Full PDB file with SEQRES, HELIX, SHEET, SSBOND, CRYST1, ORIGX, SCALE, CONECT and MASTER records, all heavy atoms in Angstrom:
SEQRES   1 A   30  ASP TYR PRO VAL GLU ASN GLY SER TRP GLN ASP VAL GLU          
SEQRES   2 A   30  ASP ASP ILE ARG ASP PHE ALA PRO SER MET LEU VAL ILE          
SEQRES   3 A   30  TYR THR THR ILE                                              
HELIX    1 AA1 TRP A    9  PHE A   19  1                                  11    
CRYST1    1.000    1.000    1.000  90.00  90.00  90.00 P 1           1          
ORIGX1      1.000000  0.000000  0.000000        0.00000                         
ORIGX2      0.000000  1.000000  0.000000        0.00000                         
ORIGX3      0.000000  0.000000  1.000000        0.00000                         
SCALE1      1.000000  0.000000  0.000000        0.00000                         
SCALE2      0.000000  1.000000  0.000000        0.00000                         
SCALE3      0.000000  0.000000  1.000000        0.00000                         
ATOM      1  N   ASP A   1     -79.191 -35.994  79.163  1.00  0.00           N  
ATOM      2  CA  ASP A   1     -78.480 -36.898  78.268  1.00  0.00           C  
ATOM      3  C   ASP A   1     -77.481 -37.647  79.145  1.00  0.00           C  
ATOM      4  O   ASP A   1     -76.321 -37.275  79.271  1.00  0.00           O  
ATOM      5  CB  ASP A   1     -77.788 -36.092  77.171  1.00  0.00           C  
ATOM      6  CG  ASP A   1     -77.222 -36.960  76.069  1.00  0.00           C  
ATOM      7  OD1 ASP A   1     -77.043 -38.175  76.290  1.00  0.00           O  
ATOM      8  OD2 ASP A   1     -76.952 -36.417  74.983  1.00  0.00           O  
ATOM      9  N   TYR A   2     -77.952 -38.708  79.777  1.00  0.00           N  
ATOM     10  CA  TYR A   2     -77.139 -39.420  80.769  1.00  0.00           C  
ATOM     11  C   TYR A   2     -75.819 -39.945  80.200  1.00  0.00           C  
ATOM     12  O   TYR A   2     -74.793 -39.818  80.868  1.00  0.00           O  
ATOM     13  CB  TYR A   2     -77.951 -40.543  81.415  1.00  0.00           C  
ATOM     14  CG  TYR A   2     -79.078 -40.015  82.266  1.00  0.00           C  
ATOM     15  CD1 TYR A   2     -80.357 -39.862  81.746  1.00  0.00           C  
ATOM     16  CD2 TYR A   2     -78.865 -39.629  83.589  1.00  0.00           C  
ATOM     17  CE1 TYR A   2     -81.389 -39.351  82.514  1.00  0.00           C  
ATOM     18  CE2 TYR A   2     -79.892 -39.122  84.371  1.00  0.00           C  
ATOM     19  CZ  TYR A   2     -81.151 -38.981  83.829  1.00  0.00           C  
ATOM     20  OH  TYR A   2     -82.161 -38.468  84.582  1.00  0.00           O  
ATOM     21  N   PRO A   3     -75.796 -40.520  79.001  1.00  0.00           N  
ATOM     22  CA  PRO A   3     -74.490 -40.975  78.488  1.00  0.00           C  
ATOM     23  C   PRO A   3     -73.475 -39.831  78.339  1.00  0.00           C  
ATOM     24  O   PRO A   3     -72.312 -39.992  78.695  1.00  0.00           O  
ATOM     25  CB  PRO A   3     -74.831 -41.588  77.126  1.00  0.00           C  
ATOM     26  CG  PRO A   3     -76.252 -42.023  77.266  1.00  0.00           C  
ATOM     27  CD  PRO A   3     -76.894 -40.964  78.128  1.00  0.00           C  
ATOM     28  N   VAL A   4     -73.927 -38.689  77.835  1.00  0.00           N  
ATOM     29  CA  VAL A   4     -73.022 -37.560  77.661  1.00  0.00           C  
ATOM     30  C   VAL A   4     -72.538 -37.038  79.014  1.00  0.00           C  
ATOM     31  O   VAL A   4     -71.395 -36.622  79.164  1.00  0.00           O  
ATOM     32  CB  VAL A   4     -73.711 -36.433  76.851  1.00  0.00           C  
ATOM     33  CG1 VAL A   4     -72.916 -35.139  76.910  1.00  0.00           C  
ATOM     34  CG2 VAL A   4     -73.892 -36.872  75.406  1.00  0.00           C  
ATOM     35  N   GLU A   5     -73.414 -37.084  80.012  1.00  0.00           N  
ATOM     36  CA  GLU A   5     -73.078 -36.581  81.343  1.00  0.00           C  
ATOM     37  C   GLU A   5     -72.420 -37.640  82.237  1.00  0.00           C  
ATOM     38  O   GLU A   5     -72.176 -37.392  83.410  1.00  0.00           O  
ATOM     39  CB  GLU A   5     -74.336 -36.066  82.035  1.00  0.00           C  
ATOM     40  CG  GLU A   5     -74.973 -34.887  81.346  1.00  0.00           C  
ATOM     41  CD  GLU A   5     -76.245 -34.431  82.039  1.00  0.00           C  
ATOM     42  OE1 GLU A   5     -76.404 -34.706  83.243  1.00  0.00           O  
ATOM     43  OE2 GLU A   5     -77.074 -33.796  81.377  1.00  0.00           O  
ATOM     44  N   ASN A   6     -72.165 -38.822  81.676  1.00  0.00           N  
ATOM     45  CA  ASN A   6     -71.653 -39.943  82.466  1.00  0.00           C  
ATOM     46  C   ASN A   6     -72.547 -40.224  83.665  1.00  0.00           C  
ATOM     47  O   ASN A   6     -72.077 -40.529  84.764  1.00  0.00           O  
ATOM     48  CB  ASN A   6     -70.202 -39.692  82.919  1.00  0.00           C  
ATOM     49  CG  ASN A   6     -69.246 -39.678  81.756  1.00  0.00           C  
ATOM     50  OD1 ASN A   6     -69.312 -40.544  80.889  1.00  0.00           O  
ATOM     51  ND2 ASN A   6     -68.376 -38.692  81.717  1.00  0.00           N  
ATOM     52  N   GLY A   7     -73.851 -40.103  83.436  1.00  0.00           N  
ATOM     53  CA  GLY A   7     -74.832 -40.333  84.490  1.00  0.00           C  
ATOM     54  C   GLY A   7     -74.980 -41.814  84.796  1.00  0.00           C  
ATOM     55  O   GLY A   7     -74.721 -42.678  83.963  1.00  0.00           O  
ATOM     56  N   SER A   8     -75.421 -42.097  86.009  1.00  0.00           N  
ATOM     57  CA  SER A   8     -75.611 -43.474  86.463  1.00  0.00           C  
ATOM     58  C   SER A   8     -77.101 -43.793  86.545  1.00  0.00           C  
ATOM     59  O   SER A   8     -77.950 -42.902  86.458  1.00  0.00           O  
ATOM     60  CB  SER A   8     -74.977 -43.652  87.840  1.00  0.00           C  
ATOM     61  OG  SER A   8     -75.703 -42.888  88.802  1.00  0.00           O  
ATOM     62  N   TRP A   9     -77.401 -45.063  86.784  1.00  0.00           N  
ATOM     63  CA  TRP A   9     -78.794 -45.455  87.005  1.00  0.00           C  
ATOM     64  C   TRP A   9     -79.317 -44.819  88.286  1.00  0.00           C  
ATOM     65  O   TRP A   9     -80.502 -44.498  88.383  1.00  0.00           O  
ATOM     66  CB  TRP A   9     -78.940 -46.973  87.029  1.00  0.00           C  
ATOM     67  CG  TRP A   9     -78.785 -47.565  85.665  1.00  0.00           C  
ATOM     68  CD1 TRP A   9     -77.778 -48.376  85.226  1.00  0.00           C  
ATOM     69  CD2 TRP A   9     -79.644 -47.360  84.543  1.00  0.00           C  
ATOM     70  NE1 TRP A   9     -77.951 -48.676  83.899  1.00  0.00           N  
ATOM     71  CE2 TRP A   9     -79.099 -48.073  83.452  1.00  0.00           C  
ATOM     72  CE3 TRP A   9     -80.811 -46.634  84.340  1.00  0.00           C  
ATOM     73  CZ2 TRP A   9     -79.692 -48.092  82.191  1.00  0.00           C  
ATOM     74  CZ3 TRP A   9     -81.403 -46.653  83.080  1.00  0.00           C  
ATOM     75  CH2 TRP A   9     -80.842 -47.374  82.028  1.00  0.00           C  
ATOM     76  N   GLN A  10     -78.436 -44.578  89.233  1.00  0.00           N  
ATOM     77  CA  GLN A  10     -78.862 -43.877  90.450  1.00  0.00           C  
ATOM     78  C   GLN A  10     -79.278 -42.449  90.121  1.00  0.00           C  
ATOM     79  O   GLN A  10     -80.235 -41.926  90.692  1.00  0.00           O  
ATOM     80  CB  GLN A  10     -77.744 -43.887  91.506  1.00  0.00           C  
ATOM     81  CG  GLN A  10     -78.178 -43.298  92.833  1.00  0.00           C  
ATOM     82  CD  GLN A  10     -79.313 -44.080  93.485  1.00  0.00           C  
ATOM     83  OE1 GLN A  10     -79.209 -45.287  93.666  1.00  0.00           O  
ATOM     84  NE2 GLN A  10     -80.404 -43.387  93.819  1.00  0.00           N  
ATOM     85  N   ASP A  11     -78.584 -41.813  89.183  1.00  0.00           N  
ATOM     86  CA  ASP A  11     -78.960 -40.462  88.747  1.00  0.00           C  
ATOM     87  C   ASP A  11     -80.351 -40.474  88.113  1.00  0.00           C  
ATOM     88  O   ASP A  11     -81.158 -39.577  88.351  1.00  0.00           O  
ATOM     89  CB  ASP A  11     -77.950 -39.901  87.749  1.00  0.00           C  
ATOM     90  CG  ASP A  11     -76.586 -39.646  88.360  1.00  0.00           C  
ATOM     91  OD1 ASP A  11     -76.525 -39.294  89.552  1.00  0.00           O  
ATOM     92  OD2 ASP A  11     -75.581 -39.816  87.636  1.00  0.00           O  
ATOM     93  N   VAL A  12     -80.623 -41.488  87.305  1.00  0.00           N  
ATOM     94  CA  VAL A  12     -81.944 -41.622  86.682  1.00  0.00           C  
ATOM     95  C   VAL A  12     -83.005 -41.734  87.777  1.00  0.00           C  
ATOM     96  O   VAL A  12     -84.022 -41.017  87.766  1.00  0.00           O  
ATOM     97  CB  VAL A  12     -82.009 -42.845  85.735  1.00  0.00           C  
ATOM     98  CG1 VAL A  12     -83.434 -43.087  85.245  1.00  0.00           C  
ATOM     99  CG2 VAL A  12     -81.040 -42.682  84.568  1.00  0.00           C  
ATOM    100  N   GLU A  13     -82.766 -42.624  88.719  1.00  0.00           N  
ATOM    101  CA  GLU A  13     -83.715 -42.825  89.816  1.00  0.00           C  
ATOM    102  C   GLU A  13     -83.901 -41.535  90.623  1.00  0.00           C  
ATOM    103  O   GLU A  13     -85.049 -41.153  90.928  1.00  0.00           O  
ATOM    104  CB  GLU A  13     -83.225 -43.947  90.734  1.00  0.00           C  
ATOM    105  CG  GLU A  13     -84.190 -44.263  91.849  1.00  0.00           C  
ATOM    106  CD  GLU A  13     -83.738 -45.428  92.712  1.00  0.00           C  
ATOM    107  OE1 GLU A  13     -82.987 -46.298  92.234  1.00  0.00           O  
ATOM    108  OE2 GLU A  13     -84.153 -45.452  93.891  1.00  0.00           O  
ATOM    109  N   ASP A  14     -82.819 -40.867  90.967  1.00  0.00           N  
ATOM    110  CA  ASP A  14     -82.903 -39.620  91.741  1.00  0.00           C  
ATOM    111  C   ASP A  14     -83.701 -38.559  90.980  1.00  0.00           C  
ATOM    112  O   ASP A  14     -84.528 -37.853  91.574  1.00  0.00           O  
ATOM    113  CB  ASP A  14     -81.508 -39.088  92.064  1.00  0.00           C  
ATOM    114  CG  ASP A  14     -80.755 -39.968  93.057  1.00  0.00           C  
ATOM    115  OD1 ASP A  14     -81.381 -40.832  93.715  1.00  0.00           O  
ATOM    116  OD2 ASP A  14     -79.514 -39.790  93.155  1.00  0.00           O  
ATOM    117  N   ASP A  15     -83.458 -38.436  89.677  1.00  0.00           N  
ATOM    118  CA  ASP A  15     -84.177 -37.439  88.882  1.00  0.00           C  
ATOM    119  C   ASP A  15     -85.676 -37.731  88.823  1.00  0.00           C  
ATOM    120  O   ASP A  15     -86.494 -36.814  88.916  1.00  0.00           O  
ATOM    121  CB  ASP A  15     -83.602 -37.358  87.467  1.00  0.00           C  
ATOM    122  CG  ASP A  15     -82.253 -36.667  87.419  1.00  0.00           C  
ATOM    123  OD1 ASP A  15     -81.886 -35.985  88.406  1.00  0.00           O  
ATOM    124  OD2 ASP A  15     -81.558 -36.810  86.393  1.00  0.00           O  
ATOM    125  N   ILE A  16     -86.022 -38.988  88.678  1.00  0.00           N  
ATOM    126  CA  ILE A  16     -87.444 -39.347  88.630  1.00  0.00           C  
ATOM    127  C   ILE A  16     -88.096 -39.058  89.982  1.00  0.00           C  
ATOM    128  O   ILE A  16     -89.198 -38.509  90.048  1.00  0.00           O  
ATOM    129  CB  ILE A  16     -87.627 -40.817  88.209  1.00  0.00           C  
ATOM    130  CG1 ILE A  16     -87.192 -41.004  86.745  1.00  0.00           C  
ATOM    131  CG2 ILE A  16     -89.088 -41.264  88.393  1.00  0.00           C  
ATOM    132  CD1 ILE A  16     -87.100 -42.453  86.294  1.00  0.00           C  
ATOM    133  N   ARG A  17     -87.414 -39.390  91.051  1.00  0.00           N  
ATOM    134  CA  ARG A  17     -87.958 -39.103  92.387  1.00  0.00           C  
ATOM    135  C   ARG A  17     -88.096 -37.597  92.628  1.00  0.00           C  
ATOM    136  O   ARG A  17     -89.104 -37.126  93.143  1.00  0.00           O  
ATOM    137  CB  ARG A  17     -87.076 -39.720  93.470  1.00  0.00           C  
ATOM    138  CG  ARG A  17     -87.209 -41.217  93.575  1.00  0.00           C  
ATOM    139  CD  ARG A  17     -86.460 -41.754  94.799  1.00  0.00           C  
ATOM    140  NE  ARG A  17     -86.316 -43.189  94.745  1.00  0.00           N  
ATOM    141  CZ  ARG A  17     -87.294 -44.048  95.011  1.00  0.00           C  
ATOM    142  NH1 ARG A  17     -88.485 -43.610  95.344  1.00  0.00           N  
ATOM    143  NH2 ARG A  17     -87.080 -45.348  94.935  1.00  0.00           N  
ATOM    144  N   ASP A  18     -87.068 -36.826  92.256  1.00  0.00           N  
ATOM    145  CA  ASP A  18     -87.066 -35.382  92.503  1.00  0.00           C  
ATOM    146  C   ASP A  18     -88.113 -34.639  91.671  1.00  0.00           C  
ATOM    147  O   ASP A  18     -88.801 -33.766  92.168  1.00  0.00           O  
ATOM    148  CB  ASP A  18     -85.683 -34.777  92.214  1.00  0.00           C  
ATOM    149  CG  ASP A  18     -84.632 -35.220  93.209  1.00  0.00           C  
ATOM    150  OD1 ASP A  18     -84.994 -35.718  94.303  1.00  0.00           O  
ATOM    151  OD2 ASP A  18     -83.430 -35.082  92.898  1.00  0.00           O  
ATOM    152  N   PHE A  19     -88.229 -34.986  90.396  1.00  0.00           N  
ATOM    153  CA  PHE A  19     -89.131 -34.277  89.492  1.00  0.00           C  
ATOM    154  C   PHE A  19     -90.559 -34.826  89.572  1.00  0.00           C  
ATOM    155  O   PHE A  19     -91.518 -34.098  89.367  1.00  0.00           O  
ATOM    156  CB  PHE A  19     -88.596 -34.350  88.063  1.00  0.00           C  
ATOM    157  CG  PHE A  19     -89.374 -33.556  87.057  1.00  0.00           C  
ATOM    158  CD1 PHE A  19     -89.739 -32.244  87.310  1.00  0.00           C  
ATOM    159  CD2 PHE A  19     -89.714 -34.106  85.839  1.00  0.00           C  
ATOM    160  CE1 PHE A  19     -90.446 -31.498  86.367  1.00  0.00           C  
ATOM    161  CE2 PHE A  19     -90.416 -33.378  84.890  1.00  0.00           C  
ATOM    162  CZ  PHE A  19     -90.776 -32.065  85.151  1.00  0.00           C  
ATOM    163  N   ALA A  20     -90.688 -36.112  89.870  1.00  0.00           N  
ATOM    164  CA  ALA A  20     -91.995 -36.785  89.944  1.00  0.00           C  
ATOM    165  C   ALA A  20     -92.840 -36.527  88.693  1.00  0.00           C  
ATOM    166  O   ALA A  20     -93.960 -36.032  88.768  1.00  0.00           O  
ATOM    167  CB  ALA A  20     -92.741 -36.372  91.209  1.00  0.00           C  
ATOM    168  N   PRO A  21     -92.316 -36.890  87.523  1.00  0.00           N  
ATOM    169  CA  PRO A  21     -93.059 -36.629  86.289  1.00  0.00           C  
ATOM    170  C   PRO A  21     -94.259 -37.561  86.138  1.00  0.00           C  
ATOM    171  O   PRO A  21     -94.283 -38.660  86.680  1.00  0.00           O  
ATOM    172  CB  PRO A  21     -92.019 -36.910  85.202  1.00  0.00           C  
ATOM    173  CG  PRO A  21     -91.143 -37.961  85.806  1.00  0.00           C  
ATOM    174  CD  PRO A  21     -91.065 -37.603  87.272  1.00  0.00           C  
ATOM    175  N   SER A  22     -95.240 -37.109  85.371  1.00  0.00           N  
ATOM    176  CA  SER A  22     -96.374 -37.975  85.046  1.00  0.00           C  
ATOM    177  C   SER A  22     -96.032 -38.868  83.860  1.00  0.00           C  
ATOM    178  O   SER A  22     -96.653 -39.902  83.653  1.00  0.00           O  
ATOM    179  CB  SER A  22     -97.614 -37.145  84.732  1.00  0.00           C  
ATOM    180  OG  SER A  22     -97.359 -36.259  83.658  1.00  0.00           O  
ATOM    181  N   MET A  23     -95.007 -38.448  83.080  1.00  0.00           N  
ATOM    182  CA  MET A  23     -94.560 -39.225  81.918  1.00  0.00           C  
ATOM    183  C   MET A  23     -93.043 -39.235  81.848  1.00  0.00           C  
ATOM    184  O   MET A  23     -92.399 -38.241  82.194  1.00  0.00           O  
ATOM    185  CB  MET A  23     -95.091 -38.611  80.622  1.00  0.00           C  
ATOM    186  CG  MET A  23     -96.575 -38.716  80.459  1.00  0.00           C  
ATOM    187  SD  MET A  23     -97.104 -37.982  78.913  1.00  0.00           S  
ATOM    188  CE  MET A  23     -97.075 -36.267  79.368  1.00  0.00           C  
ATOM    189  N   LEU A  24     -92.507 -40.352  81.405  1.00  0.00           N  
ATOM    190  CA  LEU A  24     -91.083 -40.470  81.140  1.00  0.00           C  
ATOM    191  C   LEU A  24     -90.940 -40.839  79.674  1.00  0.00           C  
ATOM    192  O   LEU A  24     -91.513 -41.837  79.225  1.00  0.00           O  
ATOM    193  CB  LEU A  24     -90.441 -41.564  81.999  1.00  0.00           C  
ATOM    194  CG  LEU A  24     -88.980 -41.867  81.670  1.00  0.00           C  
ATOM    195  CD1 LEU A  24     -88.082 -40.734  82.158  1.00  0.00           C  
ATOM    196  CD2 LEU A  24     -88.553 -43.191  82.276  1.00  0.00           C  
ATOM    197  N   VAL A  25     -90.200 -40.021  78.939  1.00  0.00           N  
ATOM    198  CA  VAL A  25     -89.960 -40.287  77.523  1.00  0.00           C  
ATOM    199  C   VAL A  25     -88.492 -40.623  77.363  1.00  0.00           C  
ATOM    200  O   VAL A  25     -87.626 -39.861  77.805  1.00  0.00           O  
ATOM    201  CB  VAL A  25     -90.320 -39.072  76.639  1.00  0.00           C  
ATOM    202  CG1 VAL A  25     -90.081 -39.389  75.168  1.00  0.00           C  
ATOM    203  CG2 VAL A  25     -91.757 -38.642  76.882  1.00  0.00           C  
ATOM    204  N   ILE A  26     -88.216 -41.759  76.752  1.00  0.00           N  
ATOM    205  CA  ILE A  26     -86.829 -42.151  76.524  1.00  0.00           C  
ATOM    206  C   ILE A  26     -86.574 -42.247  75.028  1.00  0.00           C  
ATOM    207  O   ILE A  26     -87.473 -42.565  74.251  1.00  0.00           O  
ATOM    208  CB  ILE A  26     -86.481 -43.490  77.211  1.00  0.00           C  
ATOM    209  CG1 ILE A  26     -87.356 -44.628  76.687  1.00  0.00           C  
ATOM    210  CG2 ILE A  26     -86.606 -43.365  78.720  1.00  0.00           C  
ATOM    211  CD1 ILE A  26     -86.903 -46.003  77.112  1.00  0.00           C  
ATOM    212  N   TYR A  27     -85.346 -41.954  74.647  1.00  0.00           N  
ATOM    213  CA  TYR A  27     -84.911 -42.112  73.265  1.00  0.00           C  
ATOM    214  C   TYR A  27     -84.128 -43.414  73.200  1.00  0.00           C  
ATOM    215  O   TYR A  27     -83.197 -43.611  73.973  1.00  0.00           O  
ATOM    216  CB  TYR A  27     -84.038 -40.930  72.847  1.00  0.00           C  
ATOM    217  CG  TYR A  27     -83.512 -41.060  71.443  1.00  0.00           C  
ATOM    218  CD1 TYR A  27     -84.330 -40.768  70.360  1.00  0.00           C  
ATOM    219  CD2 TYR A  27     -82.218 -41.485  71.201  1.00  0.00           C  
ATOM    220  CE1 TYR A  27     -83.863 -40.898  69.065  1.00  0.00           C  
ATOM    221  CE2 TYR A  27     -81.737 -41.620  69.910  1.00  0.00           C  
ATOM    222  CZ  TYR A  27     -82.571 -41.320  68.848  1.00  0.00           C  
ATOM    223  OH  TYR A  27     -82.117 -41.457  67.567  1.00  0.00           O  
ATOM    224  N   THR A  28     -84.528 -44.285  72.315  1.00  0.00           N  
ATOM    225  CA  THR A  28     -83.848 -45.572  72.205  1.00  0.00           C  
ATOM    226  C   THR A  28     -83.109 -45.687  70.874  1.00  0.00           C  
ATOM    227  O   THR A  28     -83.487 -45.059  69.887  1.00  0.00           O  
ATOM    228  CB  THR A  28     -84.849 -46.739  72.319  1.00  0.00           C  
ATOM    229  OG1 THR A  28     -85.786 -46.669  71.235  1.00  0.00           O  
ATOM    230  CG2 THR A  28     -85.606 -46.700  73.629  1.00  0.00           C  
ATOM    231  N   THR A  29     -82.058 -46.484  70.912  1.00  0.00           N  
ATOM    232  CA  THR A  29     -81.338 -46.814  69.682  1.00  0.00           C  
ATOM    233  C   THR A  29     -81.204 -48.327  69.610  1.00  0.00           C  
ATOM    234  O   THR A  29     -81.264 -49.014  70.634  1.00  0.00           O  
ATOM    235  CB  THR A  29     -79.929 -46.190  69.646  1.00  0.00           C  
ATOM    236  OG1 THR A  29     -79.131 -46.794  70.660  1.00  0.00           O  
ATOM    237  CG2 THR A  29     -79.980 -44.683  69.850  1.00  0.00           C  
ATOM    238  N   ILE A  30     -81.017 -48.824  68.457  1.00  0.00           N  
ATOM    239  CA  ILE A  30     -80.943 -50.272  68.245  1.00  0.00           C  
ATOM    240  C   ILE A  30     -79.792 -50.886  69.045  1.00  0.00           C  
ATOM    241  O   ILE A  30     -79.888 -52.003  69.526  1.00  0.00           O  
ATOM    242  CB  ILE A  30     -80.845 -50.614  66.740  1.00  0.00           C  
ATOM    243  CG1 ILE A  30     -81.120 -52.091  66.485  1.00  0.00           C  
ATOM    244  CG2 ILE A  30     -79.518 -50.216  66.154  1.00  0.00           C  
ATOM    245  CD1 ILE A  30     -82.546 -52.489  66.609  1.00  0.00           C  
TER     246      ILE A  30                                                      
MASTER        0    0    0    1    0    0    0    6  245    1    0    3          
END                                                                             
């Protein structure tokens, strides 16, 4: 939960690189 953790876009990128998922699921709000 990047907003709750005060995460950055760099954190998102690092997590995707580290985990190397086959799917990314995001929760969106209006």
